[in-house]
Amino acid sequence: MSDNSDLSNAESIYSLVELQKMGVIDSAVASWIMEHPIPEDDPILVMSYYNLVPRAHEIADALVAQRAEKISATVFKFQTDTLLYAAQQSLKASHAFAFYCPLGSHIPGGHLLNQPLQQLVALPQARTIGTKLIKFYSESKFTLVENYEFFKW
């Protein structure tokens, strides 16, 4: 059972076993975390592809190029929140297709989404990739931010 004292409404605290039971991580990721303890400042980005599965490798490669450590095909560790944010900003410029905008607006700044045809197209209004964020809380507990929106424009 999670311990939610002193946290915002968007965060809860769980053990690795609880995160596995919830389906946030699998046993391989849990084992990796046990073998590689997470420093306090290292966020772990957990992704769920909704409609971009054919391009998942492009997203993974881009995250690794932005200094993320690949734990699995959908789980990446960053050394700091600043690097996580920098990766998000970099991917907005290089992989705009992965982002969504609930308002369905065009991409600010005139980024070209459809490079071969040089066309500006609207971002999808529905989530393309769901994300959660796991952070160190204590030696055996982790903070889970369930509504983290890495791919929201």
N, C-alpha and C. Protein backbone atom coordinates (compact mmCIF):
# COMPACT_ATOMS: atom_id res chain seq x y z
N MET A 1 0.84 -1.17 0.00
CA MET A 1 0.00 0.00 0.00
C MET A 1 0.88 1.24 0.00
N SER A 2 0.51 2.23 -0.78
CA SER A 2 1.35 3.42 -0.92
C SER A 2 1.28 4.30 0.31
N ASP A 3 2.36 5.04 0.54
CA ASP A 3 2.45 6.02 1.61
C ASP A 3 2.46 7.39 0.94
N ASN A 4 1.44 8.20 1.20
CA ASN A 4 1.29 9.46 0.48
C ASN A 4 1.50 10.71 1.34
N SER A 5 2.14 10.60 2.47
CA SER A 5 2.34 11.77 3.32
C SER A 5 3.30 12.76 2.66
N ASP A 6 2.97 14.05 2.75
CA ASP A 6 3.82 15.13 2.26
C ASP A 6 4.08 15.11 0.76
N LEU A 7 3.16 14.60 -0.03
CA LEU A 7 3.31 14.59 -1.47
C LEU A 7 2.18 15.35 -2.12
N SER A 8 2.41 15.80 -3.35
CA SER A 8 1.34 16.45 -4.08
C SER A 8 0.31 15.41 -4.50
N ASN A 9 -0.82 15.86 -4.98
CA ASN A 9 -1.88 14.94 -5.41
C ASN A 9 -1.46 14.06 -6.57
N ALA A 10 -0.45 14.49 -7.33
CA ALA A 10 -0.03 13.75 -8.51
C ALA A 10 1.02 12.69 -8.20
N GLU A 11 1.50 12.62 -6.96
CA GLU A 11 2.57 11.70 -6.61
C GLU A 11 2.13 10.74 -5.52
N SER A 12 2.62 9.51 -5.62
CA SER A 12 2.40 8.50 -4.60
C SER A 12 3.70 7.73 -4.41
N ILE A 13 3.84 7.06 -3.29
CA ILE A 13 5.04 6.30 -2.98
C ILE A 13 4.73 4.81 -3.01
N TYR A 14 5.60 4.05 -3.69
CA TYR A 14 5.40 2.62 -3.84
C TYR A 14 6.72 1.87 -3.73
N SER A 15 6.65 0.60 -3.41
CA SER A 15 7.81 -0.29 -3.47
C SER A 15 7.93 -0.80 -4.91
N LEU A 16 9.04 -1.44 -5.21
CA LEU A 16 9.21 -2.04 -6.54
C LEU A 16 8.17 -3.11 -6.80
N VAL A 17 7.84 -3.90 -5.78
CA VAL A 17 6.82 -4.94 -5.92
C VAL A 17 5.47 -4.32 -6.28
N GLU A 18 5.13 -3.23 -5.60
CA GLU A 18 3.86 -2.56 -5.90
C GLU A 18 3.85 -1.99 -7.32
N LEU A 19 4.97 -1.42 -7.74
CA LEU A 19 5.05 -0.89 -9.10
C LEU A 19 4.88 -2.00 -10.14
N GLN A 20 5.42 -3.18 -9.83
CA GLN A 20 5.24 -4.33 -10.73
C GLN A 20 3.78 -4.78 -10.76
N LYS A 21 3.17 -4.90 -9.60
CA LYS A 21 1.78 -5.34 -9.53
C LYS A 21 0.85 -4.38 -10.27
N MET A 22 1.20 -3.10 -10.25
CA MET A 22 0.39 -2.09 -10.94
C MET A 22 0.65 -2.09 -12.44
N GLY A 23 1.68 -2.80 -12.89
CA GLY A 23 2.01 -2.84 -14.31
C GLY A 23 2.83 -1.66 -14.78
N VAL A 24 3.38 -0.89 -13.86
CA VAL A 24 4.19 0.27 -14.24
C VAL A 24 5.54 -0.20 -14.77
N ILE A 25 6.12 -1.19 -14.11
CA ILE A 25 7.39 -1.78 -14.54
C ILE A 25 7.24 -3.30 -14.55
N ASP A 26 8.15 -3.96 -15.26
CA ASP A 26 8.14 -5.43 -15.25
C ASP A 26 9.28 -5.93 -14.36
N SER A 27 9.41 -7.23 -14.25
CA SER A 27 10.41 -7.79 -13.33
C SER A 27 11.84 -7.49 -13.78
N ALA A 28 12.07 -7.40 -15.09
CA ALA A 28 13.41 -7.09 -15.58
C ALA A 28 13.83 -5.67 -15.16
N VAL A 29 12.91 -4.72 -15.26
CA VAL A 29 13.21 -3.35 -14.84
C VAL A 29 13.40 -3.29 -13.32
N ALA A 30 12.56 -3.99 -12.58
CA ALA A 30 12.70 -4.04 -11.12
C ALA A 30 14.07 -4.62 -10.73
N SER A 31 14.48 -5.68 -11.40
CA SER A 31 15.80 -6.27 -11.14
C SER A 31 16.91 -5.29 -11.45
N TRP A 32 16.78 -4.57 -12.56
CA TRP A 32 17.79 -3.58 -12.94
C TRP A 32 17.90 -2.51 -11.85
N ILE A 33 16.77 -2.02 -11.38
CA ILE A 33 16.77 -0.99 -10.33
C ILE A 33 17.42 -1.52 -9.05
N MET A 34 17.15 -2.77 -8.70
CA MET A 34 17.76 -3.36 -7.49
C MET A 34 19.28 -3.48 -7.65
N GLU A 35 19.73 -3.79 -8.87
CA GLU A 35 21.17 -3.93 -9.13
C GLU A 35 21.87 -2.59 -9.31
N HIS A 36 21.13 -1.57 -9.69
CA HIS A 36 21.68 -0.23 -9.95
C HIS A 36 20.87 0.79 -9.14
N PRO A 37 21.16 0.93 -7.88
CA PRO A 37 20.37 1.86 -7.05
C PRO A 37 20.28 3.25 -7.69
N ILE A 38 19.12 3.84 -7.57
CA ILE A 38 18.85 5.13 -8.20
C ILE A 38 19.21 6.26 -7.24
N PRO A 39 20.11 7.15 -7.66
CA PRO A 39 20.39 8.33 -6.83
C PRO A 39 19.14 9.20 -6.73
N GLU A 40 19.09 10.05 -5.72
CA GLU A 40 17.91 10.88 -5.46
C GLU A 40 17.50 11.74 -6.65
N ASP A 41 18.44 12.21 -7.42
CA ASP A 41 18.13 13.16 -8.49
C ASP A 41 17.90 12.50 -9.85
N ASP A 42 17.90 11.19 -9.94
CA ASP A 42 17.80 10.51 -11.23
C ASP A 42 16.37 10.06 -11.53
N PRO A 43 15.66 10.77 -12.40
CA PRO A 43 14.30 10.34 -12.76
C PRO A 43 14.33 9.19 -13.77
N ILE A 44 13.33 8.34 -13.67
CA ILE A 44 13.17 7.24 -14.63
C ILE A 44 11.87 7.50 -15.39
N LEU A 45 11.99 7.58 -16.71
CA LEU A 45 10.85 7.82 -17.59
C LEU A 45 10.33 6.47 -18.08
N VAL A 46 9.04 6.22 -17.83
CA VAL A 46 8.38 4.98 -18.26
C VAL A 46 7.36 5.36 -19.33
N MET A 47 7.46 4.73 -20.50
CA MET A 47 6.59 5.09 -21.63
C MET A 47 5.66 3.96 -22.02
N SER A 48 4.49 4.34 -22.53
CA SER A 48 3.53 3.41 -23.12
C SER A 48 3.14 3.97 -24.48
N TYR A 49 3.49 3.25 -25.53
CA TYR A 49 3.18 3.73 -26.88
C TYR A 49 1.72 3.46 -27.20
N TYR A 50 1.01 4.50 -27.64
CA TYR A 50 -0.40 4.34 -28.02
C TYR A 50 -0.56 4.08 -29.51
N ASN A 51 0.09 4.90 -30.34
CA ASN A 51 -0.05 4.70 -31.78
C ASN A 51 1.25 4.91 -32.54
N LEU A 52 2.35 4.98 -31.86
CA LEU A 52 3.63 5.20 -32.52
C LEU A 52 4.57 4.00 -32.41
N VAL A 53 4.03 2.84 -32.19
CA VAL A 53 4.85 1.64 -32.01
C VAL A 53 5.84 1.44 -33.18
N PRO A 54 5.43 1.64 -34.43
CA PRO A 54 6.40 1.45 -35.52
C PRO A 54 7.60 2.40 -35.46
N ARG A 55 7.48 3.49 -34.74
CA ARG A 55 8.57 4.47 -34.65
C ARG A 55 9.21 4.49 -33.26
N ALA A 56 8.93 3.48 -32.46
CA ALA A 56 9.44 3.43 -31.09
C ALA A 56 10.97 3.47 -31.05
N HIS A 57 11.61 2.79 -31.99
CA HIS A 57 13.08 2.77 -32.00
C HIS A 57 13.66 4.17 -32.24
N GLU A 58 12.96 5.00 -33.02
CA GLU A 58 13.43 6.37 -33.25
C GLU A 58 13.39 7.18 -31.96
N ILE A 59 12.30 7.00 -31.20
CA ILE A 59 12.17 7.72 -29.92
C ILE A 59 13.25 7.24 -28.95
N ALA A 60 13.45 5.93 -28.86
CA ALA A 60 14.46 5.37 -27.95
C ALA A 60 15.85 5.88 -28.32
N ASP A 61 16.17 5.86 -29.60
CA ASP A 61 17.49 6.34 -30.03
C ASP A 61 17.68 7.81 -29.71
N ALA A 62 16.61 8.60 -29.88
CA ALA A 62 16.70 10.03 -29.59
C ALA A 62 16.90 10.28 -28.10
N LEU A 63 16.24 9.51 -27.25
CA LEU A 63 16.42 9.65 -25.80
C LEU A 63 17.85 9.28 -25.39
N VAL A 64 18.37 8.20 -25.95
CA VAL A 64 19.74 7.79 -25.65
C VAL A 64 20.73 8.86 -26.14
N ALA A 65 20.46 9.45 -27.30
CA ALA A 65 21.32 10.52 -27.82
C ALA A 65 21.29 11.74 -26.89
N GLN A 66 20.24 11.86 -26.09
CA GLN A 66 20.11 12.96 -25.13
C GLN A 66 20.57 12.54 -23.73
N ARG A 67 21.42 11.53 -23.67
CA ARG A 67 22.07 11.07 -22.44
C ARG A 67 21.18 10.28 -21.50
N ALA A 68 20.10 9.71 -22.02
CA ALA A 68 19.29 8.80 -21.20
C ALA A 68 19.95 7.43 -21.23
N GLU A 69 19.83 6.72 -20.12
CA GLU A 69 20.31 5.34 -20.06
C GLU A 69 19.11 4.43 -20.31
N LYS A 70 19.22 3.59 -21.33
CA LYS A 70 18.12 2.70 -21.70
C LYS A 70 18.11 1.50 -20.76
N ILE A 71 17.01 1.35 -20.02
CA ILE A 71 16.84 0.21 -19.12
C ILE A 71 16.08 -0.90 -19.85
N SER A 72 15.07 -0.50 -20.62
CA SER A 72 14.32 -1.43 -21.47
C SER A 72 13.83 -0.62 -22.67
N ALA A 73 13.06 -1.23 -23.54
CA ALA A 73 12.57 -0.55 -24.74
C ALA A 73 11.69 0.66 -24.40
N THR A 74 11.10 0.66 -23.20
CA THR A 74 10.19 1.74 -22.83
C THR A 74 10.54 2.43 -21.51
N VAL A 75 11.71 2.14 -20.96
CA VAL A 75 12.11 2.71 -19.67
C VAL A 75 13.52 3.29 -19.79
N PHE A 76 13.66 4.58 -19.39
CA PHE A 76 14.92 5.30 -19.54
C PHE A 76 15.22 6.09 -18.28
N LYS A 77 16.49 6.04 -17.85
CA LYS A 77 16.92 6.77 -16.66
C LYS A 77 17.75 7.98 -17.09
N PHE A 78 17.48 9.11 -16.45
CA PHE A 78 18.24 10.33 -16.68
C PHE A 78 19.02 10.65 -15.41
N GLN A 79 20.14 11.36 -15.55
CA GLN A 79 20.95 11.69 -14.38
C GLN A 79 20.37 12.83 -13.56
N THR A 80 19.57 13.68 -14.18
CA THR A 80 18.96 14.79 -13.46
C THR A 80 17.64 15.18 -14.11
N ASP A 81 16.83 15.92 -13.38
CA ASP A 81 15.60 16.48 -13.95
C ASP A 81 15.93 17.44 -15.09
N THR A 82 17.04 18.15 -14.96
CA THR A 82 17.46 19.10 -15.99
C THR A 82 17.73 18.37 -17.30
N LEU A 83 18.38 17.22 -17.25
CA LEU A 83 18.64 16.45 -18.47
C LEU A 83 17.35 15.88 -19.05
N LEU A 84 16.42 15.51 -18.20
CA LEU A 84 15.12 15.03 -18.67
C LEU A 84 14.41 16.14 -19.44
N TYR A 85 14.40 17.34 -18.86
CA TYR A 85 13.77 18.48 -19.51
C TYR A 85 14.48 18.84 -20.83
N ALA A 86 15.80 18.81 -20.82
CA ALA A 86 16.57 19.11 -22.03
C ALA A 86 16.26 18.10 -23.13
N ALA A 87 16.10 16.84 -22.74
CA ALA A 87 15.74 15.80 -23.73
C ALA A 87 14.37 16.08 -24.32
N GLN A 88 13.44 16.49 -23.47
CA GLN A 88 12.09 16.81 -23.96
C GLN A 88 12.15 17.95 -24.98
N GLN A 89 12.90 19.00 -24.66
CA GLN A 89 13.00 20.14 -25.56
C GLN A 89 13.69 19.75 -26.87
N SER A 90 14.70 18.92 -26.79
CA SER A 90 15.40 18.46 -27.99
C SER A 90 14.49 17.63 -28.88
N LEU A 91 13.72 16.73 -28.25
CA LEU A 91 12.80 15.89 -29.04
C LEU A 91 11.68 16.71 -29.66
N LYS A 92 11.28 17.79 -29.03
CA LYS A 92 10.27 18.66 -29.65
C LYS A 92 10.78 19.19 -30.99
N ALA A 93 12.07 19.48 -31.05
CA ALA A 93 12.66 20.00 -32.28
C ALA A 93 12.94 18.89 -33.30
N SER A 94 13.35 17.73 -32.82
CA SER A 94 13.77 16.68 -33.75
C SER A 94 12.73 15.60 -34.02
N HIS A 95 11.78 15.40 -33.10
CA HIS A 95 10.80 14.33 -33.21
C HIS A 95 9.40 14.84 -32.86
N ALA A 96 9.02 15.93 -33.47
CA ALA A 96 7.74 16.57 -33.16
C ALA A 96 6.56 15.62 -33.36
N PHE A 97 6.68 14.66 -34.25
CA PHE A 97 5.59 13.71 -34.52
C PHE A 97 5.18 12.92 -33.28
N ALA A 98 6.08 12.84 -32.29
CA ALA A 98 5.79 12.06 -31.09
C ALA A 98 4.96 12.83 -30.07
N PHE A 99 4.79 14.12 -30.28
CA PHE A 99 4.09 14.97 -29.32
C PHE A 99 2.63 15.16 -29.72
N TYR A 100 1.84 15.54 -28.73
CA TYR A 100 0.43 15.82 -28.99
C TYR A 100 0.07 17.15 -28.33
N CYS A 101 -1.01 17.74 -28.81
CA CYS A 101 -1.50 18.99 -28.24
C CYS A 101 -3.00 18.86 -28.11
N PRO A 102 -3.54 18.89 -26.89
CA PRO A 102 -4.98 18.71 -26.69
C PRO A 102 -5.82 19.71 -27.49
N LEU A 103 -5.24 20.86 -27.80
CA LEU A 103 -5.97 21.87 -28.54
C LEU A 103 -5.87 21.67 -30.05
N GLY A 104 -4.99 20.76 -30.48
CA GLY A 104 -4.84 20.48 -31.91
C GLY A 104 -4.19 21.61 -32.67
N SER A 105 -3.37 22.41 -32.02
CA SER A 105 -2.76 23.56 -32.67
C SER A 105 -1.58 23.13 -33.55
N HIS A 106 -1.19 24.03 -34.40
CA HIS A 106 0.01 23.81 -35.21
C HIS A 106 1.25 23.92 -34.32
N ILE A 107 2.33 23.45 -34.81
CA ILE A 107 3.58 23.48 -34.04
C ILE A 107 4.10 24.91 -34.01
N PRO A 108 4.34 25.48 -32.83
CA PRO A 108 4.87 26.84 -32.75
C PRO A 108 6.24 26.94 -33.42
N GLY A 109 6.52 28.07 -33.95
CA GLY A 109 7.85 28.30 -34.53
C GLY A 109 8.01 27.75 -35.94
N GLY A 110 6.96 27.19 -36.51
CA GLY A 110 7.03 26.72 -37.89
C GLY A 110 7.83 25.46 -38.11
N HIS A 111 7.97 24.63 -37.10
CA HIS A 111 8.67 23.37 -37.29
C HIS A 111 7.97 22.56 -38.38
N LEU A 112 8.75 21.90 -39.20
CA LEU A 112 8.17 21.08 -40.25
C LEU A 112 8.02 19.66 -39.74
N LEU A 113 6.81 19.20 -39.64
CA LEU A 113 6.55 17.87 -39.12
C LEU A 113 6.74 16.83 -40.22
N ASN A 114 6.29 17.15 -41.42
CA ASN A 114 6.37 16.22 -42.54
C ASN A 114 7.55 16.64 -43.41
N GLN A 115 8.75 16.26 -43.01
CA GLN A 115 9.96 16.73 -43.65
C GLN A 115 10.05 16.44 -45.15
N PRO A 116 9.72 15.24 -45.62
CA PRO A 116 9.90 15.00 -47.06
C PRO A 116 9.06 15.95 -47.93
N LEU A 117 7.88 16.32 -47.46
CA LEU A 117 7.00 17.18 -48.24
C LEU A 117 7.05 18.63 -47.80
N GLN A 118 7.86 18.92 -46.74
CA GLN A 118 7.99 20.27 -46.22
C GLN A 118 6.63 20.90 -45.88
N GLN A 119 5.77 20.13 -45.23
CA GLN A 119 4.45 20.59 -44.87
C GLN A 119 4.33 20.79 -43.36
N LEU A 120 3.67 21.86 -42.98
CA LEU A 120 3.35 22.08 -41.58
C LEU A 120 2.01 21.41 -41.31
N VAL A 121 1.99 20.49 -40.37
CA VAL A 121 0.74 19.79 -40.05
C VAL A 121 0.43 19.95 -38.58
N ALA A 122 -0.84 19.83 -38.25
CA ALA A 122 -1.25 19.96 -36.85
C ALA A 122 -0.80 18.76 -36.03
N LEU A 123 -0.49 19.00 -34.79
CA LEU A 123 -0.18 17.90 -33.87
C LEU A 123 -1.46 17.14 -33.56
N PRO A 124 -1.36 15.84 -33.28
CA PRO A 124 -2.56 15.09 -32.87
C PRO A 124 -3.10 15.64 -31.56
N GLN A 125 -4.40 15.52 -31.36
CA GLN A 125 -5.01 15.96 -30.11
C GLN A 125 -4.99 14.87 -29.05
N ALA A 126 -4.86 13.63 -29.45
CA ALA A 126 -4.83 12.50 -28.51
C ALA A 126 -3.38 12.17 -28.16
N ARG A 127 -3.20 11.63 -26.96
CA ARG A 127 -1.86 11.21 -26.53
C ARG A 127 -1.26 10.23 -27.53
N THR A 128 -0.01 10.43 -27.81
CA THR A 128 0.73 9.53 -28.69
C THR A 128 1.53 8.51 -27.88
N ILE A 129 2.07 8.99 -26.77
CA ILE A 129 2.87 8.15 -25.88
C ILE A 129 2.54 8.57 -24.44
N GLY A 130 2.08 7.61 -23.65
CA GLY A 130 1.83 7.89 -22.24
C GLY A 130 3.12 7.78 -21.47
N THR A 131 3.28 8.60 -20.44
CA THR A 131 4.50 8.55 -19.64
C THR A 131 4.20 8.65 -18.16
N LYS A 132 5.04 8.01 -17.39
CA LYS A 132 5.03 8.10 -15.94
C LYS A 132 6.47 8.37 -15.52
N LEU A 133 6.64 8.92 -14.34
CA LEU A 133 7.97 9.23 -13.86
C LEU A 133 8.18 8.57 -12.50
N ILE A 134 9.28 7.86 -12.36
CA ILE A 134 9.65 7.21 -11.10
C ILE A 134 10.89 7.92 -10.56
N LYS A 135 10.86 8.24 -9.26
CA LYS A 135 12.00 8.88 -8.63
C LYS A 135 12.28 8.20 -7.29
N PHE A 136 13.51 8.28 -6.85
CA PHE A 136 13.94 7.75 -5.58
C PHE A 136 13.22 8.46 -4.43
N TYR A 137 12.76 7.70 -3.47
CA TYR A 137 12.17 8.28 -2.25
C TYR A 137 12.96 7.82 -1.03
N SER A 138 13.21 6.52 -0.96
CA SER A 138 14.03 5.95 0.12
C SER A 138 14.66 4.68 -0.45
N GLU A 139 15.42 3.99 0.38
CA GLU A 139 16.13 2.81 -0.10
C GLU A 139 15.20 1.76 -0.73
N SER A 140 13.96 1.68 -0.26
CA SER A 140 13.06 0.66 -0.79
C SER A 140 11.75 1.23 -1.35
N LYS A 141 11.65 2.55 -1.43
CA LYS A 141 10.42 3.18 -1.90
C LYS A 141 10.73 4.19 -3.01
N PHE A 142 9.74 4.36 -3.88
CA PHE A 142 9.91 5.24 -5.03
C PHE A 142 8.67 6.09 -5.22
N THR A 143 8.89 7.33 -5.62
CA THR A 143 7.78 8.22 -5.94
C THR A 143 7.34 7.94 -7.37
N LEU A 144 6.04 7.86 -7.58
CA LEU A 144 5.49 7.67 -8.92
C LEU A 144 4.64 8.88 -9.27
N VAL A 145 4.99 9.53 -10.37
CA VAL A 145 4.19 10.61 -10.92
C VAL A 145 3.43 10.01 -12.10
N GLU A 146 2.16 9.70 -11.88
CA GLU A 146 1.38 8.98 -12.88
C GLU A 146 0.92 9.84 -14.04
N ASN A 147 0.74 11.12 -13.81
CA ASN A 147 0.22 11.97 -14.87
C ASN A 147 1.31 12.82 -15.51
N TYR A 148 2.53 12.35 -15.52
CA TYR A 148 3.64 13.07 -16.14
C TYR A 148 3.45 13.09 -17.65
N GLU A 149 3.57 14.26 -18.26
CA GLU A 149 3.28 14.41 -19.69
C GLU A 149 4.52 14.85 -20.48
N PHE A 150 5.45 13.93 -20.65
CA PHE A 150 6.69 14.23 -21.41
C PHE A 150 6.36 14.62 -22.84
N PHE A 151 5.38 13.97 -23.46
CA PHE A 151 5.08 14.18 -24.88
C PHE A 151 3.92 15.14 -25.14
N LYS A 152 3.58 15.96 -24.16
CA LYS A 152 2.53 16.97 -24.38
C LYS A 152 3.21 18.26 -24.82
N TRP A 153 2.75 18.84 -25.93
CA TRP A 153 3.38 20.05 -26.45
C TRP A 153 3.06 21.23 -25.57
